């Protein structure tokens, strides 16, 4: 990203605003943080429309293709958008592309 990337200032502010216990959970790794998380139980209970934004796996996405497929299967009203060339910090590095991906989803709810 380069040393002058705006991402670093954004990330510093975001991390400064987090509860330190949340960071301790992240540093402990995904297994302790996700203990007790049961997608097969939790996701079908979400009845509102859901937009799944998936970053590019080659850029460090958080959602795998298998995660997305499970989500689409279990979420009653889900839409999926894959953002090629975009990594995990979606909106921090590609704000306009993320906004363009979200806009059609939100337009369905405009009065």
PDB file of N, CA and C in Angstrom:
ATOM      1  N   UNK A   1       0.806  -1.200   0.000  1.00  0.00           N
ATOM      2  CA  UNK A   1       0.000   0.000   0.000  1.00  0.00           C
ATOM      3  C   UNK A   1       0.849   1.263   0.000  1.00  0.00           C
ATOM      4  N   UNK A   2       2.057   1.168   0.443  1.00  0.00           N
ATOM      5  CA  UNK A   2       2.929   2.343   0.500  1.00  0.00           C
ATOM      6  C   UNK A   2       2.801   3.047   1.840  1.00  0.00           C
ATOM      7  N   UNK A   3       3.886   3.644   2.269  1.00  0.00           N
ATOM      8  CA  UNK A   3       3.925   4.282   3.586  1.00  0.00           C
ATOM      9  C   UNK A   3       2.969   5.458   3.714  1.00  0.00           C
ATOM     10  N   UNK A   4       2.600   6.083   2.619  1.00  0.00           N
ATOM     11  CA  UNK A   4       1.722   7.249   2.677  1.00  0.00           C
ATOM     12  C   UNK A   4       0.248   6.893   2.469  1.00  0.00           C
ATOM     13  N   UNK A   5      -0.082   5.617   2.504  1.00  0.00           N
ATOM     14  CA  UNK A   5      -1.467   5.195   2.311  1.00  0.00           C
ATOM     15  C   UNK A   5      -2.370   5.744   3.416  1.00  0.00           C
ATOM     16  N   UNK A   6      -3.559   6.224   3.006  1.00  0.00           N
ATOM     17  CA  UNK A   6      -4.539   6.717   3.976  1.00  0.00           C
ATOM     18  C   UNK A   6      -5.074   5.587   4.849  1.00  0.00           C
ATOM     19  N   UNK A   7      -4.887   4.368   4.410  1.00  0.00           N
ATOM     20  CA  UNK A   7      -5.365   3.215   5.166  1.00  0.00           C
ATOM     21  C   UNK A   7      -4.779   3.193   6.579  1.00  0.00           C
ATOM     22  N   UNK A   8      -3.513   3.540   6.722  1.00  0.00           N
ATOM     23  CA  UNK A   8      -2.855   3.444   8.025  1.00  0.00           C
ATOM     24  C   UNK A   8      -3.452   4.410   9.042  1.00  0.00           C
ATOM     25  N   UNK A   9      -3.751   5.616   8.642  1.00  0.00           N
ATOM     26  CA  UNK A   9      -4.393   6.575   9.552  1.00  0.00           C
ATOM     27  C   UNK A   9      -5.790   6.099   9.915  1.00  0.00           C
ATOM     28  N   UNK A  10      -6.509   5.583   8.936  1.00  0.00           N
ATOM     29  CA  UNK A  10      -7.852   5.045   9.191  1.00  0.00           C
ATOM     30  C   UNK A  10      -7.779   3.870  10.175  1.00  0.00           C
ATOM     31  N   UNK A  11      -6.853   2.971   9.929  1.00  0.00           N
ATOM     32  CA  UNK A  11      -6.714   1.797  10.789  1.00  0.00           C
ATOM     33  C   UNK A  11      -6.291   2.200  12.203  1.00  0.00           C
ATOM     34  N   UNK A  12      -5.392   3.156  12.328  1.00  0.00           N
ATOM     35  CA  UNK A  12      -4.952   3.617  13.651  1.00  0.00           C
ATOM     36  C   UNK A  12      -6.126   4.185  14.434  1.00  0.00           C
ATOM     37  N   UNK A  13      -6.953   4.998  13.797  1.00  0.00           N
ATOM     38  CA  UNK A  13      -8.121   5.569  14.472  1.00  0.00           C
ATOM     39  C   UNK A  13      -9.099   4.469  14.864  1.00  0.00           C
ATOM     40  N   UNK A  14      -9.350   3.537  13.962  1.00  0.00           N
ATOM     41  CA  UNK A  14     -10.271   2.433  14.257  1.00  0.00           C
ATOM     42  C   UNK A  14      -9.780   1.600  15.433  1.00  0.00           C
ATOM     43  N   UNK A  15      -8.505   1.260  15.434  1.00  0.00           N
ATOM     44  CA  UNK A  15      -7.957   0.452  16.526  1.00  0.00           C
ATOM     45  C   UNK A  15      -7.978   1.209  17.844  1.00  0.00           C
ATOM     46  N   UNK A  16      -7.744   2.506  17.793  1.00  0.00           N
ATOM     47  CA  UNK A  16      -7.763   3.335  19.004  1.00  0.00           C
ATOM     48  C   UNK A  16      -9.159   3.349  19.632  1.00  0.00           C
ATOM     49  N   UNK A  17     -10.188   3.235  18.825  1.00  0.00           N
ATOM     50  CA  UNK A  17     -11.558   3.315  19.311  1.00  0.00           C
ATOM     51  C   UNK A  17     -12.111   1.969  19.785  1.00  0.00           C
ATOM     52  N   UNK A  18     -11.381   0.900  19.560  1.00  0.00           N
ATOM     53  CA  UNK A  18     -11.850  -0.436  19.953  1.00  0.00           C
ATOM     54  C   UNK A  18     -11.660  -0.693  21.438  1.00  0.00           C
ATOM     55  N   UNK A  19     -12.515  -1.523  21.960  1.00  0.00           N
ATOM     56  CA  UNK A  19     -12.356  -2.037  23.318  1.00  0.00           C
ATOM     57  C   UNK A  19     -11.130  -2.951  23.314  1.00  0.00           C
ATOM     58  N   UNK A  20     -10.151  -2.733  24.210  1.00  0.00           N
ATOM     59  CA  UNK A  20      -8.946  -3.574  24.221  1.00  0.00           C
ATOM     60  C   UNK A  20      -9.246  -5.065  24.373  1.00  0.00           C
ATOM     61  N   UNK A  21     -10.329  -5.415  25.047  1.00  0.00           N
ATOM     62  CA  UNK A  21     -10.675  -6.828  25.179  1.00  0.00           C
ATOM     63  C   UNK A  21     -11.008  -7.458  23.829  1.00  0.00           C
ATOM     64  N   UNK A  22     -11.539  -6.666  22.925  1.00  0.00           N
ATOM     65  CA  UNK A  22     -11.829  -7.174  21.591  1.00  0.00           C
ATOM     66  C   UNK A  22     -10.536  -7.535  20.879  1.00  0.00           C
ATOM     67  N   UNK A  23      -9.517  -6.681  21.022  1.00  0.00           N
ATOM     68  CA  UNK A  23      -8.231  -6.972  20.389  1.00  0.00           C
ATOM     69  C   UNK A  23      -7.571  -8.194  21.006  1.00  0.00           C
ATOM     70  N   UNK A  24      -7.739  -8.383  22.310  1.00  0.00           N
ATOM     71  CA  UNK A  24      -7.198  -9.577  22.956  1.00  0.00           C
ATOM     72  C   UNK A  24      -7.847 -10.826  22.367  1.00  0.00           C
ATOM     73  N   UNK A  25      -9.150 -10.748  22.097  1.00  0.00           N
ATOM     74  CA  UNK A  25      -9.849 -11.887  21.496  1.00  0.00           C
ATOM     75  C   UNK A  25      -9.319 -12.157  20.083  1.00  0.00           C
ATOM     76  N   UNK A  26      -9.096 -11.110  19.314  1.00  0.00           N
ATOM     77  CA  UNK A  26      -8.564 -11.277  17.959  1.00  0.00           C
ATOM     78  C   UNK A  26      -7.163 -11.877  18.013  1.00  0.00           C
ATOM     79  N   UNK A  27      -6.334 -11.384  18.924  1.00  0.00           N
ATOM     80  CA  UNK A  27      -4.965 -11.902  19.056  1.00  0.00           C
ATOM     81  C   UNK A  27      -4.929 -13.349  19.517  1.00  0.00           C
ATOM     82  N   UNK A  28      -5.960 -13.789  20.229  1.00  0.00           N
ATOM     83  CA  UNK A  28      -6.023 -15.185  20.682  1.00  0.00           C
ATOM     84  C   UNK A  28      -6.277 -16.136  19.521  1.00  0.00           C
ATOM     85  N   UNK A  29      -6.754 -15.600  18.412  1.00  0.00           N
ATOM     86  CA  UNK A  29      -6.979 -16.425  17.232  1.00  0.00           C
ATOM     87  C   UNK A  29      -8.446 -16.746  17.025  1.00  0.00           C
ATOM     88  N   UNK A  30      -8.763 -17.267  15.850  1.00  0.00           N
ATOM     89  CA  UNK A  30     -10.170 -17.490  15.501  1.00  0.00           C
ATOM     90  C   UNK A  30     -10.859 -18.577  16.317  1.00  0.00           C
ATOM     91  N   UNK A  31     -10.148 -19.602  16.734  1.00  0.00           N
ATOM     92  CA  UNK A  31     -10.835 -20.690  17.443  1.00  0.00           C
ATOM     93  C   UNK A  31     -11.455 -20.226  18.750  1.00  0.00           C
ATOM     94  N   UNK A  32     -10.712 -19.560  19.651  1.00  0.00           N
ATOM     95  CA  UNK A  32     -11.370 -19.084  20.880  1.00  0.00           C
ATOM     96  C   UNK A  32     -12.428 -18.019  20.597  1.00  0.00           C
ATOM     97  N   UNK A  33     -12.173 -17.154  19.628  1.00  0.00           N
ATOM     98  CA  UNK A  33     -13.100 -16.064  19.346  1.00  0.00           C
ATOM     99  C   UNK A  33     -14.427 -16.596  18.799  1.00  0.00           C
ATOM    100  N   UNK A  34     -14.388 -17.678  18.043  1.00  0.00           N
ATOM    101  CA  UNK A  34     -15.598 -18.209  17.422  1.00  0.00           C
ATOM    102  C   UNK A  34     -16.186 -19.402  18.172  1.00  0.00           C
ATOM    103  N   UNK A  35     -15.656 -19.693  19.345  1.00  0.00           N
ATOM    104  CA  UNK A  35     -16.175 -20.822  20.126  1.00  0.00           C
ATOM    105  C   UNK A  35     -17.666 -20.624  20.391  1.00  0.00           C
ATOM    106  N   UNK A  36     -18.434 -21.652  20.143  1.00  0.00           N
ATOM    107  CA  UNK A  36     -19.867 -21.600  20.376  1.00  0.00           C
ATOM    108  C   UNK A  36     -20.663 -21.007  19.221  1.00  0.00           C
ATOM    109  N   UNK A  37     -19.974 -20.500  18.210  1.00  0.00           N
ATOM    110  CA  UNK A  37     -20.663 -19.942  17.043  1.00  0.00           C
ATOM    111  C   UNK A  37     -21.173 -21.100  16.195  1.00  0.00           C
ATOM    112  N   UNK A  38     -22.463 -21.176  16.015  1.00  0.00           N
ATOM    113  CA  UNK A  38     -23.072 -22.260  15.257  1.00  0.00           C
ATOM    114  C   UNK A  38     -23.885 -21.675  14.106  1.00  0.00           C
ATOM    115  N   UNK A  39     -23.266 -21.549  12.941  1.00  0.00           N
ATOM    116  CA  UNK A  39     -23.970 -20.929  11.814  1.00  0.00           C
ATOM    117  C   UNK A  39     -25.286 -21.618  11.470  1.00  0.00           C
ATOM    118  N   UNK A  40     -25.336 -22.931  11.606  1.00  0.00           N
ATOM    119  CA  UNK A  40     -26.549 -23.668  11.256  1.00  0.00           C
ATOM    120  C   UNK A  40     -27.731 -23.266  12.140  1.00  0.00           C
ATOM    121  N   UNK A  41     -27.454 -22.758  13.337  1.00  0.00           N
ATOM    122  CA  UNK A  41     -28.506 -22.304  14.247  1.00  0.00           C
ATOM    123  C   UNK A  41     -28.745 -20.801  14.107  1.00  0.00           C
ATOM    124  N   UNK A  42     -27.652 -20.035  14.055  1.00  0.00           N
ATOM    125  CA  UNK A  42     -27.770 -18.575  14.076  1.00  0.00           C
ATOM    126  C   UNK A  42     -28.248 -17.978  12.756  1.00  0.00           C
ATOM    127  N   UNK A  43     -27.686 -18.400  11.654  1.00  0.00           N
ATOM    128  CA  UNK A  43     -27.984 -17.740  10.381  1.00  0.00           C
ATOM    129  C   UNK A  43     -29.440 -17.870   9.936  1.00  0.00           C
ATOM    130  N   UNK A  44     -30.085 -19.022  10.056  1.00  0.00           N
ATOM    131  CA  UNK A  44     -31.491 -19.086   9.642  1.00  0.00           C
ATOM    132  C   UNK A  44     -32.407 -18.188  10.482  1.00  0.00           C
ATOM    133  N   UNK A  45     -31.952 -17.788  11.656  1.00  0.00           N
ATOM    134  CA  UNK A  45     -32.767 -16.906  12.508  1.00  0.00           C
ATOM    135  C   UNK A  45     -32.732 -15.455  12.032  1.00  0.00           C
ATOM    136  N   UNK A  46     -31.830 -15.129  11.128  1.00  0.00           N
ATOM    137  CA  UNK A  46     -31.736 -13.772  10.584  1.00  0.00           C
ATOM    138  C   UNK A  46     -32.730 -13.672   9.437  1.00  0.00           C
ATOM    139  N   UNK A  47     -33.787 -12.928   9.634  1.00  0.00           N
ATOM    140  CA  UNK A  47     -34.853 -12.888   8.639  1.00  0.00           C
ATOM    141  C   UNK A  47     -34.816 -11.659   7.741  1.00  0.00           C
ATOM    142  N   UNK A  48     -34.004 -10.677   8.086  1.00  0.00           N
ATOM    143  CA  UNK A  48     -33.911  -9.480   7.243  1.00  0.00           C
ATOM    144  C   UNK A  48     -32.992  -9.768   6.058  1.00  0.00           C
ATOM    145  N   UNK A  49     -33.084  -8.960   5.008  1.00  0.00           N
ATOM    146  CA  UNK A  49     -32.155  -9.129   3.882  1.00  0.00           C
ATOM    147  C   UNK A  49     -30.708  -8.910   4.333  1.00  0.00           C
ATOM    148  N   UNK A  50     -29.811  -9.699   3.758  1.00  0.00           N
ATOM    149  CA  UNK A  50     -28.387  -9.641   4.108  1.00  0.00           C
ATOM    150  C   UNK A  50     -27.576  -9.522   2.823  1.00  0.00           C
ATOM    151  N   UNK A  51     -26.595  -8.639   2.849  1.00  0.00           N
ATOM    152  CA  UNK A  51     -25.656  -8.514   1.747  1.00  0.00           C
ATOM    153  C   UNK A  51     -24.321  -9.069   2.207  1.00  0.00           C
ATOM    154  N   UNK A  52     -23.848 -10.121   1.557  1.00  0.00           N
ATOM    155  CA  UNK A  52     -22.541 -10.696   1.861  1.00  0.00           C
ATOM    156  C   UNK A  52     -21.524 -10.118   0.885  1.00  0.00           C
ATOM    157  N   UNK A  53     -20.626  -9.297   1.386  1.00  0.00           N
ATOM    158  CA  UNK A  53     -19.541  -8.762   0.569  1.00  0.00           C
ATOM    159  C   UNK A  53     -18.322  -9.639   0.804  1.00  0.00           C
ATOM    160  N   UNK A  54     -17.818 -10.229  -0.245  1.00  0.00           N
ATOM    161  CA  UNK A  54     -16.673 -11.121  -0.144  1.00  0.00           C
ATOM    162  C   UNK A  54     -15.473 -10.509  -0.846  1.00  0.00           C
ATOM    163  N   UNK A  55     -14.398 -10.366  -0.103  1.00  0.00           N
ATOM    164  CA  UNK A  55     -13.148  -9.877  -0.683  1.00  0.00           C
ATOM    165  C   UNK A  55     -12.493 -10.992  -1.497  1.00  0.00           C
ATOM    166  N   UNK A  56     -11.461 -10.641  -2.202  1.00  0.00           N
ATOM    167  CA  UNK A  56     -10.701 -11.561  -3.045  1.00  0.00           C
ATOM    168  C   UNK A  56      -9.789 -12.420  -2.173  1.00  0.00           C
ATOM    169  N   UNK A  57      -9.878 -13.741  -2.319  1.00  0.00           N
ATOM    170  CA  UNK A  57      -9.060 -14.652  -1.512  1.00  0.00           C
ATOM    171  C   UNK A  57      -7.571 -14.379  -1.683  1.00  0.00           C
ATOM    172  N   UNK A  58      -7.150 -13.992  -2.880  1.00  0.00           N
ATOM    173  CA  UNK A  58      -5.726 -13.727  -3.099  1.00  0.00           C
ATOM    174  C   UNK A  58      -5.264 -12.442  -2.411  1.00  0.00           C
ATOM    175  N   UNK A  59      -6.220 -11.644  -1.940  1.00  0.00           N
ATOM    176  CA  UNK A  59      -5.907 -10.387  -1.266  1.00  0.00           C
ATOM    177  C   UNK A  59      -6.184 -10.456   0.236  1.00  0.00           C
ATOM    178  N   UNK A  60      -6.525 -11.642   0.749  1.00  0.00           N
ATOM    179  CA  UNK A  60      -6.731 -11.802   2.188  1.00  0.00           C
ATOM    180  C   UNK A  60      -8.172 -11.648   2.628  1.00  0.00           C
ATOM    181  N   UNK A  61      -9.085 -12.287   1.926  1.00  0.00           N
ATOM    182  CA  UNK A  61     -10.495 -12.202   2.311  1.00  0.00           C
ATOM    183  C   UNK A  61     -10.752 -12.939   3.622  1.00  0.00           C
ATOM    184  N   UNK A  62     -11.777 -12.513   4.332  1.00  0.00           N
ATOM    185  CA  UNK A  62     -12.173 -13.193   5.565  1.00  0.00           C
ATOM    186  C   UNK A  62     -13.142 -14.331   5.267  1.00  0.00           C
ATOM    187  N   UNK A  63     -13.926 -14.190   4.210  1.00  0.00           N
ATOM    188  CA  UNK A  63     -14.909 -15.214   3.849  1.00  0.00           C
ATOM    189  C   UNK A  63     -14.372 -16.089   2.724  1.00  0.00           C
ATOM    190  N   UNK A  64     -14.348 -17.377   2.960  1.00  0.00           N
ATOM    191  CA  UNK A  64     -13.974 -18.318   1.900  1.00  0.00           C
ATOM    192  C   UNK A  64     -15.200 -18.580   1.023  1.00  0.00           C
ATOM    193  N   UNK A  65     -14.985 -19.208  -0.121  1.00  0.00           N
ATOM    194  CA  UNK A  65     -16.117 -19.580  -0.974  1.00  0.00           C
ATOM    195  C   UNK A  65     -17.059 -20.516  -0.223  1.00  0.00           C
ATOM    196  N   UNK A  66     -16.503 -21.420   0.579  1.00  0.00           N
ATOM    197  CA  UNK A  66     -17.339 -22.341   1.361  1.00  0.00           C
ATOM    198  C   UNK A  66     -18.175 -21.578   2.389  1.00  0.00           C
ATOM    199  N   UNK A  67     -17.585 -20.564   3.027  1.00  0.00           N
ATOM    200  CA  UNK A  67     -18.339 -19.737   3.976  1.00  0.00           C
ATOM    201  C   UNK A  67     -19.518 -19.056   3.282  1.00  0.00           C
ATOM    202  N   UNK A  68     -19.251 -18.506   2.110  1.00  0.00           N
ATOM    203  CA  UNK A  68     -20.304 -17.809   1.366  1.00  0.00           C
ATOM    204  C   UNK A  68     -21.407 -18.782   0.977  1.00  0.00           C
ATOM    205  N   UNK A  69     -21.030 -19.953   0.469  1.00  0.00           N
ATOM    206  CA  UNK A  69     -22.040 -20.938   0.071  1.00  0.00           C
ATOM    207  C   UNK A  69     -22.904 -21.362   1.261  1.00  0.00           C
ATOM    208  N   UNK A  70     -22.270 -21.541   2.416  1.00  0.00           N
ATOM    209  CA  UNK A  70     -23.028 -21.887   3.620  1.00  0.00           C
ATOM    210  C   UNK A  70     -23.966 -20.743   3.993  1.00  0.00           C
ATOM    211  N   UNK A  71     -23.460 -19.521   3.957  1.00  0.00           N
ATOM    212  CA  UNK A  71     -24.291 -18.366   4.272  1.00  0.00           C
ATOM    213  C   UNK A  71     -25.482 -18.245   3.331  1.00  0.00           C
ATOM    214  N   UNK A  72     -25.247 -18.430   2.047  1.00  0.00           N
ATOM    215  CA  UNK A  72     -26.341 -18.337   1.076  1.00  0.00           C
ATOM    216  C   UNK A  72     -27.370 -19.437   1.287  1.00  0.00           C
ATOM    217  N   UNK A  73     -26.913 -20.579   1.727  1.00  0.00           N
ATOM    218  CA  UNK A  73     -27.819 -21.703   1.995  1.00  0.00           C
ATOM    219  C   UNK A  73     -28.653 -21.443   3.250  1.00  0.00           C
ATOM    220  N   UNK A  74     -28.039 -20.849   4.279  1.00  0.00           N
ATOM    221  CA  UNK A  74     -28.703 -20.717   5.579  1.00  0.00           C
ATOM    222  C   UNK A  74     -29.428 -19.390   5.807  1.00  0.00           C
ATOM    223  N   UNK A  75     -29.024 -18.358   5.103  1.00  0.00           N
ATOM    224  CA  UNK A  75     -29.674 -17.053   5.254  1.00  0.00           C
ATOM    225  C   UNK A  75     -30.860 -16.990   4.295  1.00  0.00           C
ATOM    226  N   UNK A  76     -32.055 -16.782   4.813  1.00  0.00           N
ATOM    227  CA  UNK A  76     -33.234 -16.831   3.951  1.00  0.00           C
ATOM    228  C   UNK A  76     -33.286 -15.760   2.862  1.00  0.00           C
ATOM    229  N   UNK A  77     -32.659 -14.606   3.093  1.00  0.00           N
ATOM    230  CA  UNK A  77     -32.734 -13.497   2.130  1.00  0.00           C
ATOM    231  C   UNK A  77     -31.357 -12.886   1.929  1.00  0.00           C
ATOM    232  N   UNK A  78     -30.440 -13.662   1.355  1.00  0.00           N
ATOM    233  CA  UNK A  78     -29.063 -13.188   1.197  1.00  0.00           C
ATOM    234  C   UNK A  78     -28.715 -12.957  -0.263  1.00  0.00           C
ATOM    235  N   UNK A  79     -27.905 -11.928  -0.466  1.00  0.00           N
ATOM    236  CA  UNK A  79     -27.341 -11.606  -1.772  1.00  0.00           C
ATOM    237  C   UNK A  79     -25.829 -11.568  -1.590  1.00  0.00           C
ATOM    238  N   UNK A  80     -25.107 -12.034  -2.589  1.00  0.00           N
ATOM    239  CA  UNK A  80     -23.651 -12.131  -2.509  1.00  0.00           C
ATOM    240  C   UNK A  80     -23.000 -11.284  -3.591  1.00  0.00           C
ATOM    241  N   UNK A  81     -21.988 -10.524  -3.193  1.00  0.00           N
ATOM    242  CA  UNK A  81     -21.176  -9.765  -4.147  1.00  0.00           C
ATOM    243  C   UNK A  81     -19.708 -10.042  -3.828  1.00  0.00           C
ATOM    244  N   UNK A  82     -18.967 -10.512  -4.823  1.00  0.00           N
ATOM    245  CA  UNK A  82     -17.526 -10.741  -4.678  1.00  0.00           C
ATOM    246  C   UNK A  82     -16.796  -9.536  -5.261  1.00  0.00           C
ATOM    247  N   UNK A  83     -15.834  -9.018  -4.506  1.00  0.00           N
ATOM    248  CA  UNK A  83     -15.064  -7.859  -4.930  1.00  0.00           C
ATOM    249  C   UNK A  83     -13.652  -8.308  -5.305  1.00  0.00           C
ATOM    250  N   UNK A  84     -13.450  -8.572  -6.586  1.00  0.00           N
ATOM    251  CA  UNK A  84     -12.151  -9.034  -7.077  1.00  0.00           C
ATOM    252  C   UNK A  84     -11.103  -7.938  -6.881  1.00  0.00           C
ATOM    253  N   UNK A  85      -9.916  -8.342  -6.447  1.00  0.00           N
ATOM    254  CA  UNK A  85      -8.815  -7.408  -6.265  1.00  0.00           C
ATOM    255  C   UNK A  85      -8.873  -6.593  -4.990  1.00  0.00           C
ATOM    256  N   UNK A  86      -9.849  -6.883  -4.138  1.00  0.00           N
ATOM    257  CA  UNK A  86     -10.040  -6.144  -2.886  1.00  0.00           C
ATOM    258  C   UNK A  86      -9.761  -7.090  -1.720  1.00  0.00           C
ATOM    259  N   UNK A  87      -9.024  -6.612  -0.724  1.00  0.00           N
ATOM    260  CA  UNK A  87      -8.711  -7.422   0.448  1.00  0.00           C
ATOM    261  C   UNK A  87      -9.694  -7.217   1.587  1.00  0.00           C
ATOM    262  N   UNK A  88      -9.374  -7.776   2.730  1.00  0.00           N
ATOM    263  CA  UNK A  88     -10.268  -7.770   3.893  1.00  0.00           C
ATOM    264  C   UNK A  88     -10.719  -6.380   4.338  1.00  0.00           C
ATOM    265  N   UNK A  89      -9.857  -5.378   4.390  1.00  0.00           N
ATOM    266  CA  UNK A  89     -10.346  -4.063   4.833  1.00  0.00           C
ATOM    267  C   UNK A  89     -11.080  -3.341   3.696  1.00  0.00           C
ATOM    268  N   UNK A  90     -12.190  -3.917   3.269  1.00  0.00           N
ATOM    269  CA  UNK A  90     -12.920  -3.491   2.075  1.00  0.00           C
ATOM    270  C   UNK A  90     -13.064  -1.980   1.925  1.00  0.00           C
ATOM    271  N   UNK A  91     -13.784  -1.388   2.853  1.00  0.00           N
ATOM    272  CA  UNK A  91     -14.108   0.034   2.716  1.00  0.00           C
ATOM    273  C   UNK A  91     -12.912   0.942   3.006  1.00  0.00           C
ATOM    274  N   UNK A  92     -11.936   0.443   3.717  1.00  0.00           N
ATOM    275  CA  UNK A  92     -10.771   1.270   4.031  1.00  0.00           C
ATOM    276  C   UNK A  92      -9.875   1.461   2.814  1.00  0.00           C
ATOM    277  N   UNK A  93      -9.855   0.476   1.927  1.00  0.00           N
ATOM    278  CA  UNK A  93      -8.950   0.556   0.781  1.00  0.00           C
ATOM    279  C   UNK A  93      -9.668   0.788  -0.545  1.00  0.00           C
ATOM    280  N   UNK A  94     -10.958   0.461  -0.622  1.00  0.00           N
ATOM    281  CA  UNK A  94     -11.703   0.579  -1.879  1.00  0.00           C
ATOM    282  C   UNK A  94     -13.109   1.128  -1.609  1.00  0.00           C
ATOM    283  N   UNK A  95     -13.157   2.278  -1.004  1.00  0.00           N
ATOM    284  CA  UNK A  95     -14.423   2.877  -0.579  1.00  0.00           C
ATOM    285  C   UNK A  95     -15.449   2.964  -1.709  1.00  0.00           C
ATOM    286  N   UNK A  96     -15.045   3.448  -2.863  1.00  0.00           N
ATOM    287  CA  UNK A  96     -16.002   3.649  -3.952  1.00  0.00           C
ATOM    288  C   UNK A  96     -16.517   2.324  -4.508  1.00  0.00           C
ATOM    289  N   UNK A  97     -15.660   1.334  -4.622  1.00  0.00           N
ATOM    290  CA  UNK A  97     -16.116   0.021  -5.115  1.00  0.00           C
ATOM    291  C   UNK A  97     -17.082  -0.617  -4.145  1.00  0.00           C
ATOM    292  N   UNK A  98     -16.813  -0.464  -2.859  1.00  0.00           N
ATOM    293  CA  UNK A  98     -17.717  -1.021  -1.841  1.00  0.00           C
ATOM    294  C   UNK A  98     -19.053  -0.284  -1.885  1.00  0.00           C
ATOM    295  N   UNK A  99     -19.019   1.034  -1.983  1.00  0.00           N
ATOM    296  CA  UNK A  99     -20.259   1.807  -2.074  1.00  0.00           C
ATOM    297  C   UNK A  99     -21.064   1.396  -3.304  1.00  0.00           C
ATOM    298  N   UNK A 100     -20.384   1.179  -4.428  1.00  0.00           N
ATOM    299  CA  UNK A 100     -21.073   0.742  -5.645  1.00  0.00           C
ATOM    300  C   UNK A 100     -21.691  -0.643  -5.480  1.00  0.00           C
ATOM    301  N   UNK A 101     -21.072  -1.496  -4.678  1.00  0.00           N
ATOM    302  CA  UNK A 101     -21.614  -2.835  -4.428  1.00  0.00           C
ATOM    303  C   UNK A 101     -22.811  -2.787  -3.492  1.00  0.00           C
ATOM    304  N   UNK A 102     -22.806  -1.851  -2.558  1.00  0.00           N
ATOM    305  CA  UNK A 102     -23.875  -1.746  -1.560  1.00  0.00           C
ATOM    306  C   UNK A 102     -25.092  -1.008  -2.106  1.00  0.00           C
ATOM    307  N   UNK A 103     -24.878  -0.025  -2.962  1.00  0.00           N
ATOM    308  CA  UNK A 103     -25.969   0.841  -3.432  1.00  0.00           C
ATOM    309  C   UNK A 103     -27.161   0.082  -4.025  1.00  0.00           C
ATOM    310  N   UNK A 104     -26.964  -0.882  -4.922  1.00  0.00           N
ATOM    311  CA  UNK A 104     -28.137  -1.589  -5.463  1.00  0.00           C
ATOM    312  C   UNK A 104     -28.920  -2.350  -4.383  1.00  0.00           C
ATOM    313  N   UNK A 105     -28.209  -2.914  -3.434  1.00  0.00           N
ATOM    314  CA  UNK A 105     -28.859  -3.624  -2.334  1.00  0.00           C
ATOM    315  C   UNK A 105     -29.735  -2.672  -1.545  1.00  0.00           C
ATOM    316  N   UNK A 106     -29.185  -1.504  -1.196  1.00  0.00           N
ATOM    317  CA  UNK A 106     -29.936  -0.524  -0.402  1.00  0.00           C
ATOM    318  C   UNK A 106     -31.070   0.118  -1.192  1.00  0.00           C
ATOM    319  N   UNK A 107     -30.911   0.226  -2.508  1.00  0.00           N
ATOM    320  CA  UNK A 107     -31.953   0.864  -3.314  1.00  0.00           C
ATOM    321  C   UNK A 107     -33.263   0.089  -3.258  1.00  0.00           C
ATOM    322  N   UNK A 108     -33.199  -1.183  -2.966  1.00  0.00           N
ATOM    323  CA  UNK A 108     -34.418  -1.985  -2.832  1.00  0.00           C
ATOM    324  C   UNK A 108     -35.261  -1.547  -1.636  1.00  0.00           C
ATOM    325  N   UNK A 109     -34.649  -0.800  -0.707  1.00  0.00           N
ATOM    326  CA  UNK A 109     -35.357  -0.394   0.505  1.00  0.00           C
ATOM    327  C   UNK A 109     -35.730   1.088   0.509  1.00  0.00           C
ATOM    328  N   UNK A 110     -35.384   1.785  -0.557  1.00  0.00           N
ATOM    329  CA  UNK A 110     -35.710   3.213  -0.639  1.00  0.00           C
ATOM    330  C   UNK A 110     -37.206   3.383  -0.846  1.00  0.00           C
ATOM    331  N   UNK A 111     -37.747   4.401  -0.206  1.00  0.00           N
ATOM    332  CA  UNK A 111     -39.187   4.604  -0.350  1.00  0.00           C
ATOM    333  C   UNK A 111     -39.518   5.389  -1.582  1.00  0.00           C
TER     334      UNK A 111
END
